[in-house]
Structure formats: structure tokens, C-alpha cells
C-alpha atoms as a PDB file:
ATOM      1  CA  MET A   1      84.531-139.481-111.831  1.00  0.00           C
ATOM      2  CA  TYR A   2      81.334-139.310-113.808  1.00  0.00           C
ATOM      3  CA  LYS A   3      77.878-137.886-113.328  1.00  0.00           C
ATOM      4  CA  LYS A   4      74.793-139.934-114.137  1.00  0.00           C
ATOM      5  CA  ALA A   5      72.532-138.215-116.670  1.00  0.00           C
ATOM      6  CA  ILE A   6      69.085-138.171-115.054  1.00  0.00           C
ATOM      7  CA  SER A   7      67.532-135.802-117.566  1.00  0.00           C
ATOM      8  CA  LEU A   8      66.702-138.547-120.059  1.00  0.00           C
ATOM      9  CA  SER A   9      66.058-141.501-117.757  1.00  0.00           C
ATOM     10  CA  ARG A  10      62.630-143.121-117.684  1.00  0.00           C
ATOM     11  CA  LYS A  11      62.390-142.499-113.948  1.00  0.00           C
ATOM     12  CA  PHE A  12      62.943-138.754-114.412  1.00  0.00           C
ATOM     13  CA  LEU A  13      60.519-138.521-117.343  1.00  0.00           C
ATOM     14  CA  ALA A  14      57.836-140.349-115.354  1.00  0.00           C
ATOM     15  CA  ASN A  15      58.124-137.910-112.424  1.00  0.00           C
ATOM     16  CA  PRO A  16      60.133-134.743-113.142  1.00  0.00           C
ATOM     17  CA  HIS A  17      59.338-133.393-109.630  1.00  0.00           C
ATOM     18  CA  GLN A  18      60.843-136.310-107.738  1.00  0.00           C
ATOM     19  CA  ASN A  19      63.603-134.185-106.216  1.00  0.00           C
ATOM     20  CA  THR A  20      61.326-131.244-105.350  1.00  0.00           C
ATOM     21  CA  PRO A  21      59.932-131.061-101.787  1.00  0.00           C
ATOM     22  CA  LEU A  22      56.152-131.170-101.413  1.00  0.00           C
ATOM     23  CA  ASN A  23      55.987-127.741 -99.743  1.00  0.00           C
ATOM     24  CA  GLU A  24      57.679-126.126-102.737  1.00  0.00           C
ATOM     25  CA  LEU A  25      55.170-127.753-105.108  1.00  0.00           C
ATOM     26  CA  LEU A  26      52.281-126.487-102.959  1.00  0.00           C
ATOM     27  CA  LYS A  27      53.739-122.943-102.913  1.00  0.00           C
ATOM     28  CA  LYS A  28      54.231-123.002-106.675  1.00  0.00           C
ATOM     29  CA  ASN A  29      50.637-124.173-107.166  1.00  0.00           C
ATOM     30  CA  LYS A  30      49.346-121.484-104.734  1.00  0.00           C
ATOM     31  CA  SER A  31      47.389-124.119-102.811  1.00  0.00           C
ATOM     32  CA  VAL A  32      45.149-123.288 -99.845  1.00  0.00           C
ATOM     33  CA  ASP A  33      46.641-124.393 -96.518  1.00  0.00           C
ATOM     34  CA  LEU A  34      44.057-126.674 -94.846  1.00  0.00           C
ATOM     35  CA  ARG A  35      46.022-127.260 -91.633  1.00  0.00           C
ATOM     36  CA  ASN A  36      43.844-125.838 -88.815  1.00  0.00           C
ATOM     37  CA  ASN A  37      41.831-124.079 -91.525  1.00  0.00           C
ATOM     38  CA  SER A  38      39.140-126.522 -92.592  1.00  0.00           C
ATOM     39  CA  ILE A  39      35.593-127.668 -91.928  1.00  0.00           C
ATOM     40  CA  VAL A  40      34.529-131.254 -92.661  1.00  0.00           C
ATOM     41  CA  ILE A  41      30.987-131.641 -93.983  1.00  0.00           C
ATOM     42  CA  ASP A  42      29.611-135.181 -93.607  1.00  0.00           C
ATOM     43  CA  TYR A  43      26.915-136.129 -96.111  1.00  0.00           C
ATOM     44  CA  GLU A  44      26.099-139.339 -94.149  1.00  0.00           C
ATOM     45  CA  ASN A  45      26.305-141.464 -97.293  1.00  0.00           C
ATOM     46  CA  GLY A  46      30.001-142.292 -97.094  1.00  0.00           C
ATOM     47  CA  TYR A  47      31.163-139.033 -98.656  1.00  0.00           C
ATOM     48  CA  ASP A  48      32.738-136.051 -96.931  1.00  0.00           C
ATOM     49  CA  GLN A  49      33.655-132.586 -98.142  1.00  0.00           C
ATOM     50  CA  ILE A  50      36.533-130.570 -96.748  1.00  0.00           C
ATOM     51  CA  LYS A  51      36.099-126.807 -97.103  1.00  0.00           C
ATOM     52  CA  PRO A  52      38.625-124.145 -96.108  1.00  0.00           C
ATOM     53  CA  ILE A  53      37.590-121.539 -93.546  1.00  0.00           C
ATOM     54  CA  ASP A  54      39.876-118.839 -94.963  1.00  0.00           C
ATOM     55  CA  THR A  55      40.558-119.284 -98.685  1.00  0.00           C
ATOM     56  CA  GLU A  56      43.284-116.600 -98.666  1.00  0.00           C
ATOM     57  CA  LYS A  57      45.567-118.605 -96.342  1.00  0.00           C
ATOM     58  CA  ARG A  58      48.192-119.996 -98.732  1.00  0.00           C
ATOM     59  CA  PHE A  59      51.382-122.003 -98.360  1.00  0.00           C
END
């Protein structure tokens, strides 16, 4: 039985976070949770801005 060395593969070097869930990355980054916590501002020129209501609500 052998174990494949992923630490030096090109796939691993291209994306070292491939085995990390997205929620863990968001917690580590201390990102603001925008689910049910955002206002969409339409500039009527094709651009929108999404602003959080409560900036202290984190993942």
C-alpha cells in the first residue's frame, strides 16, 4: 500500500486550499456574512453594489 504525495504535485501547488471547505476559508478570512444581511444599490448603468447591513455579522 502506498500513499500518493500531493504536497509537490502541480495540482496542489496551483490550489493549496482545494481540500478546505468554503465555510472554513470564509471563517479564516473573517468575512462578513451577506446572507439576509445585505442591501443592493442599483446605479442604473449596469452596475450594482452590495452593502452589508450589519458589518459585525461574521461567519
